[in-house]
Amino acid sequence: MNDHYFSAEPASADERRTLTLRLADRAVSMTTAPGVFCPDRLDAGTAVLLNHAPTPPPSGTFLDVGCGWGPITTTLALRSPSAQVWGVDVNRRALDLCADNVAAQGCSNVAVAQPSQVPDHVRFDLIWSNPPIRVGKKVLHELLLTWLPRLVVGGHAYLVVQRNLGSDSLQKWLAEQLGSSYAIERLTSVKGFRILAIGRLDDGGPLPLPASDDVSRSSDA
């Protein structure tokens, strides 16, 4: 039972299926397969992020960390066709699916890559992620400290984390690790999921975090 969504090479059969769902206010057909994260539906946490994070800016360089079969990457690409969107994952099957899915939606503004394939000089205006909490704290922390420091000044990251899987402790840890160069807050809480907002600051002090598209900033405890 070593076939996890964070495995580089899934051992399960690559039996593809099609899901029909709504992304970026339109009906889309997306291809999934076993051996990737949540292959049979849109994950509840991902849905919270897509529905309640602030609308992405029209242009810039965006990143989806742990792109899976591509619902976040595809949404960013559709909402901001003038942006350059990176979808990053360690799972090669997930990368193949994500690439197929963005291409099927006519998105030509996406690069799908393993982490090591993202050039070191690339910096990001926006990061969205449903991070792989179940990989364990050590790997998760390494992942976040790899990508969050690559935000540009004035850039923002939005992470969706289930409350029962340590969202509050993760928020505290991020504040300790990233220090005063970043503003970190709970943007909203919906259906047991927190959206954590991380903004990189300039030398003059905090930059305001965009408000959530959700009217209520704290809909559950």
Protein backbone atom coordinates (compact mmCIF):
# COMPACT_ATOMS: atom_id res chain seq x y z
CA MET A 1 0.00 0.00 0.00
CA ASN A 2 2.73 2.46 -1.03
CA ASP A 3 0.66 4.06 -3.79
CA HIS A 4 0.05 7.55 -2.42
CA TYR A 5 -0.90 10.74 -4.22
CA PHE A 6 2.53 12.05 -3.24
CA SER A 7 4.33 9.06 -4.82
CA ALA A 8 6.47 10.00 -7.79
CA GLU A 9 5.38 6.93 -9.77
CA PRO A 10 1.94 5.56 -8.77
CA ALA A 11 1.71 1.76 -8.90
CA SER A 12 -2.04 1.61 -9.56
CA ALA A 13 -3.38 1.18 -13.07
CA ASP A 14 -3.70 4.39 -15.06
CA GLU A 15 -7.43 3.95 -15.64
CA ARG A 16 -8.69 7.35 -16.68
CA ARG A 17 -12.16 8.73 -16.11
CA THR A 18 -13.91 12.02 -16.76
CA LEU A 19 -15.41 14.36 -14.19
CA THR A 20 -17.77 17.19 -15.07
CA LEU A 21 -17.63 20.14 -12.67
CA ARG A 22 -17.69 23.92 -12.55
CA LEU A 23 -14.44 25.84 -12.53
CA ALA A 24 -14.11 29.59 -13.07
CA ASP A 25 -17.90 29.88 -13.47
CA ARG A 26 -18.15 27.44 -16.34
CA ALA A 27 -18.81 23.72 -16.81
CA VAL A 28 -15.65 21.78 -17.66
CA SER A 29 -14.72 18.15 -18.23
CA MET A 30 -11.58 17.02 -16.42
CA THR A 31 -9.71 13.73 -16.67
CA THR A 32 -8.58 11.92 -13.50
CA ALA A 33 -7.06 8.55 -12.62
CA PRO A 34 -6.12 6.46 -9.55
CA GLY A 35 -2.87 7.21 -7.79
CA VAL A 36 -3.42 10.98 -7.56
CA PHE A 37 -5.04 13.16 -4.94
CA CYS A 38 -8.85 12.83 -4.74
CA PRO A 39 -9.37 11.28 -8.20
CA ASP A 40 -13.13 10.78 -7.96
CA ARG A 41 -14.33 14.31 -7.15
CA LEU A 42 -13.32 17.88 -6.43
CA ASP A 43 -11.84 17.78 -2.94
CA ALA A 44 -13.82 19.75 -0.36
CA GLY A 45 -10.82 21.80 0.72
CA THR A 46 -9.95 22.67 -2.87
CA ALA A 47 -13.57 23.75 -3.41
CA VAL A 48 -13.35 26.08 -0.39
CA LEU A 49 -10.18 27.66 -1.76
CA LEU A 50 -11.64 28.11 -5.25
CA ASN A 51 -14.88 29.59 -3.91
CA HIS A 52 -13.54 31.87 -1.17
CA ALA A 53 -10.04 33.06 -2.05
CA PRO A 54 -9.82 36.57 -3.49
CA THR A 55 -10.16 36.82 -7.25
CA PRO A 56 -6.67 36.47 -8.76
CA PRO A 57 -5.18 39.51 -10.46
CA PRO A 58 -5.46 39.66 -14.26
CA SER A 59 -1.75 39.11 -14.84
CA GLY A 60 1.43 38.03 -13.09
CA THR A 61 3.21 34.77 -12.36
CA PHE A 62 1.11 32.30 -10.38
CA LEU A 63 1.87 28.97 -8.71
CA ASP A 64 -0.24 25.97 -7.69
CA VAL A 65 1.78 23.84 -5.25
CA GLY A 66 0.65 20.21 -5.41
CA CYS A 67 -1.43 20.65 -8.54
CA GLY A 68 -2.77 17.08 -8.74
CA TRP A 69 -5.02 16.62 -11.75
CA GLY A 70 -5.31 20.36 -12.05
CA PRO A 71 -8.48 22.03 -10.72
CA ILE A 72 -6.60 24.93 -9.09
CA THR A 73 -4.16 25.36 -11.97
CA THR A 74 -7.00 25.31 -14.48
CA THR A 75 -9.06 27.82 -12.49
CA LEU A 76 -6.14 30.25 -12.24
CA ALA A 77 -5.43 29.92 -15.96
CA LEU A 78 -9.05 30.46 -16.95
CA ARG A 79 -9.60 33.42 -14.62
CA SER A 80 -6.35 35.16 -15.57
CA PRO A 81 -5.49 34.30 -19.19
CA SER A 82 -2.76 36.97 -19.25
CA ALA A 83 -0.95 35.36 -16.29
CA GLN A 84 1.79 32.73 -16.44
CA VAL A 85 0.61 29.82 -14.29
CA TRP A 86 2.86 27.07 -12.94
CA GLY A 87 1.37 23.76 -11.75
CA VAL A 88 3.90 21.83 -9.64
CA ASP A 89 3.71 18.28 -8.31
CA VAL A 90 6.03 15.35 -7.58
CA ASN A 91 3.53 12.81 -8.94
CA ARG A 92 4.23 12.27 -12.65
CA ARG A 93 0.75 10.90 -13.36
CA ALA A 94 -0.76 13.99 -11.76
CA LEU A 95 1.44 16.18 -13.96
CA ASP A 96 0.33 14.33 -17.09
CA LEU A 97 -3.33 14.73 -16.10
CA CYS A 98 -2.92 18.40 -15.23
CA ALA A 99 -1.23 19.11 -18.55
CA ASP A 100 -3.99 17.28 -20.45
CA ASN A 101 -6.71 19.10 -18.53
CA VAL A 102 -5.38 22.62 -19.03
CA ALA A 103 -4.83 21.87 -22.71
CA ALA A 104 -8.40 20.57 -23.03
CA GLN A 105 -9.65 23.94 -21.73
CA GLY A 106 -7.57 25.80 -24.28
CA CYS A 107 -5.20 27.27 -21.69
CA SER A 108 -1.89 28.16 -23.30
CA ASN A 109 -0.57 30.09 -20.28
CA VAL A 110 0.38 27.09 -18.10
CA ALA A 111 3.66 25.31 -17.38
CA VAL A 112 3.31 21.95 -15.60
CA ALA A 113 6.50 20.79 -13.91
CA GLN A 114 8.24 18.85 -11.21
CA PRO A 115 9.61 21.14 -8.48
CA SER A 116 13.18 20.81 -9.73
CA GLN A 117 12.11 21.97 -13.20
CA VAL A 118 11.03 25.43 -12.04
CA PRO A 119 13.96 27.78 -12.72
CA ASP A 120 15.49 29.27 -9.59
CA HIS A 121 14.99 32.83 -10.80
CA VAL A 122 11.19 32.50 -11.14
CA ARG A 123 9.27 34.46 -8.50
CA PHE A 124 5.54 34.45 -7.90
CA ASP A 125 2.91 37.14 -7.50
CA LEU A 126 0.33 34.61 -6.31
CA ILE A 127 0.43 31.12 -4.81
CA TRP A 128 -2.66 28.97 -4.28
CA SER A 129 -2.35 25.57 -2.67
CA ASN A 130 -4.21 22.76 -0.98
CA PRO A 131 -0.93 21.52 0.52
CA PRO A 132 -0.31 17.79 1.11
CA ILE A 133 -0.76 17.75 4.88
CA ARG A 134 -0.55 13.95 5.09
CA VAL A 135 3.04 13.80 3.88
CA GLY A 136 4.05 14.65 7.44
CA LYS A 137 5.23 17.83 9.11
CA LYS A 138 8.88 17.58 8.05
CA VAL A 139 8.14 17.27 4.34
CA LEU A 140 5.29 19.78 4.51
CA HIS A 141 7.44 22.35 6.25
CA GLU A 142 10.25 21.88 3.73
CA LEU A 143 7.77 22.33 0.90
CA LEU A 144 6.31 25.55 2.31
CA LEU A 145 9.72 27.02 3.07
CA THR A 146 10.78 26.23 -0.49
CA TRP A 147 7.93 28.10 -2.20
CA LEU A 148 6.65 30.86 0.12
CA PRO A 149 9.98 32.75 0.14
CA ARG A 150 9.65 32.95 -3.66
CA LEU A 151 6.75 35.37 -3.37
CA VAL A 152 7.54 38.82 -4.72
CA VAL A 153 7.15 41.81 -2.44
CA GLY A 154 3.44 42.53 -2.48
CA GLY A 155 2.65 38.95 -3.50
CA HIS A 156 0.15 36.73 -1.68
CA ALA A 157 -0.28 33.04 -0.97
CA TYR A 158 -3.53 31.31 -0.01
CA LEU A 159 -3.38 27.89 1.62
CA VAL A 160 -6.44 25.83 2.49
CA VAL A 161 -5.97 23.55 5.49
CA GLN A 162 -8.50 21.51 7.42
CA ARG A 163 -8.96 22.77 10.95
CA ASN A 164 -8.74 19.27 12.42
CA LEU A 165 -5.45 18.64 10.58
CA GLY A 166 -3.62 21.49 12.26
CA SER A 167 -4.43 24.70 10.40
CA ASP A 168 -4.08 26.84 13.53
CA SER A 169 -0.73 25.35 14.54
CA LEU A 170 0.49 25.70 10.95
CA GLN A 171 -0.45 29.39 10.98
CA LYS A 172 1.59 29.89 14.16
CA TRP A 173 4.54 27.95 12.74
CA LEU A 174 4.53 29.98 9.52
CA ALA A 175 4.56 33.21 11.50
CA GLU A 176 7.55 31.97 13.50
CA GLN A 177 9.47 30.78 10.46
CA LEU A 178 8.75 33.58 8.00
CA GLY A 179 9.14 36.40 10.50
CA SER A 180 8.30 40.06 10.16
CA SER A 181 8.73 40.14 6.39
CA TYR A 182 5.33 38.47 6.00
CA ALA A 183 1.79 39.14 7.16
CA ILE A 184 -0.10 35.96 8.02
CA GLU A 185 -3.75 35.70 8.95
CA ARG A 186 -6.76 33.45 8.76
CA LEU A 187 -8.67 34.88 5.83
CA THR A 188 -11.83 32.84 6.35
CA SER A 189 -13.12 29.58 7.79
CA VAL A 190 -15.66 27.51 5.87
CA LYS A 191 -16.98 23.99 6.52
CA GLY A 192 -14.08 23.07 8.80
CA PHE A 193 -11.40 24.46 6.46
CA ARG A 194 -9.25 27.52 7.05
CA ILE A 195 -7.83 29.66 4.30
CA LEU A 196 -4.51 31.03 5.50
CA ALA A 197 -3.37 34.21 3.75
CA ILE A 198 0.33 35.04 3.56
CA GLY A 199 1.44 38.41 2.19
CA ARG A 200 5.05 39.43 1.59
CA LEU A 201 5.71 42.89 2.94
CA ASP A 202 7.73 45.80 1.66
CA ASP A 203 10.23 47.77 3.71
CA GLY A 204 7.61 50.32 4.68
CA GLY A 205 5.45 47.90 6.62
CA PRO A 206 2.47 45.64 6.06
CA LEU A 207 0.68 45.44 2.74
CA PRO A 208 -3.09 44.96 3.04
CA LEU A 209 -4.33 41.46 2.31
CA PRO A 210 -7.17 41.36 -0.21
CA ALA A 211 -10.51 40.52 1.36
CA SER A 212 -11.96 37.07 0.80
CA ASP A 213 -14.62 36.78 -1.90
CA ASP A 214 -16.70 35.26 0.89
CA VAL A 215 -18.89 37.85 2.66
CA SER A 216 -18.21 36.26 6.04
CA ARG A 217 -14.58 36.05 7.14
CA SER A 218 -15.29 33.49 9.84
CA SER A 219 -18.27 31.30 9.12
CA ASP A 220 -17.31 28.60 11.60
CA ALA A 221 -15.16 28.38 14.71
